[in-house]
């Protein structure tokens, strides 16, 4: 895994062997950020990365000039890895938060320009995450929610649906 672009372009991200996350592939991540570059401005934006896993999406946002990135991960090994990597790369705009992502949504008082959610594909009720984020008003006006999910889910009838992109087994659905 690597950072694709920005101030830390080319830096590698090497999680420990005991890591259980399913990281977004470099191909899917590069494709996602190509789409984002055409629909929004990342520079100086405030980002929320839910179910952060390796933190590679947060690192990519920070490398591309995001002002603030809140990274939420409950697994202590994953959280520790994110903190170590953030420290090693000197990306002080990333704030690693160790908590349950769904509970974070319910109690969060901040708002974000972009929210990226990559829940475990087998997690029950994935389809309820967008509604909860919109219900709790976590997006700023004109904000963007991106859900990474398996082909099992189709959000095209959701009232806030914007777009869907498929990269092999990885699906990104965009909501506005």
Foldseek 3Di string as FASTA:
>chain_A
DAQCDAPRHPHDQDADPPADDDDDDPVVLVVVVVVCVVQHQLAQWAEEEAQCRQVNNVVNSLRSHHQAYEYEHADPSSLVNNVVVCVVVVSVRYDYDHDHRVVCLVPPPEAGQEYEYEDPQPDPPPVCVVVSNVVSRRYDVNHKYKYKYFPVDDCVPPPQWDDWDDDPRIIITMGD
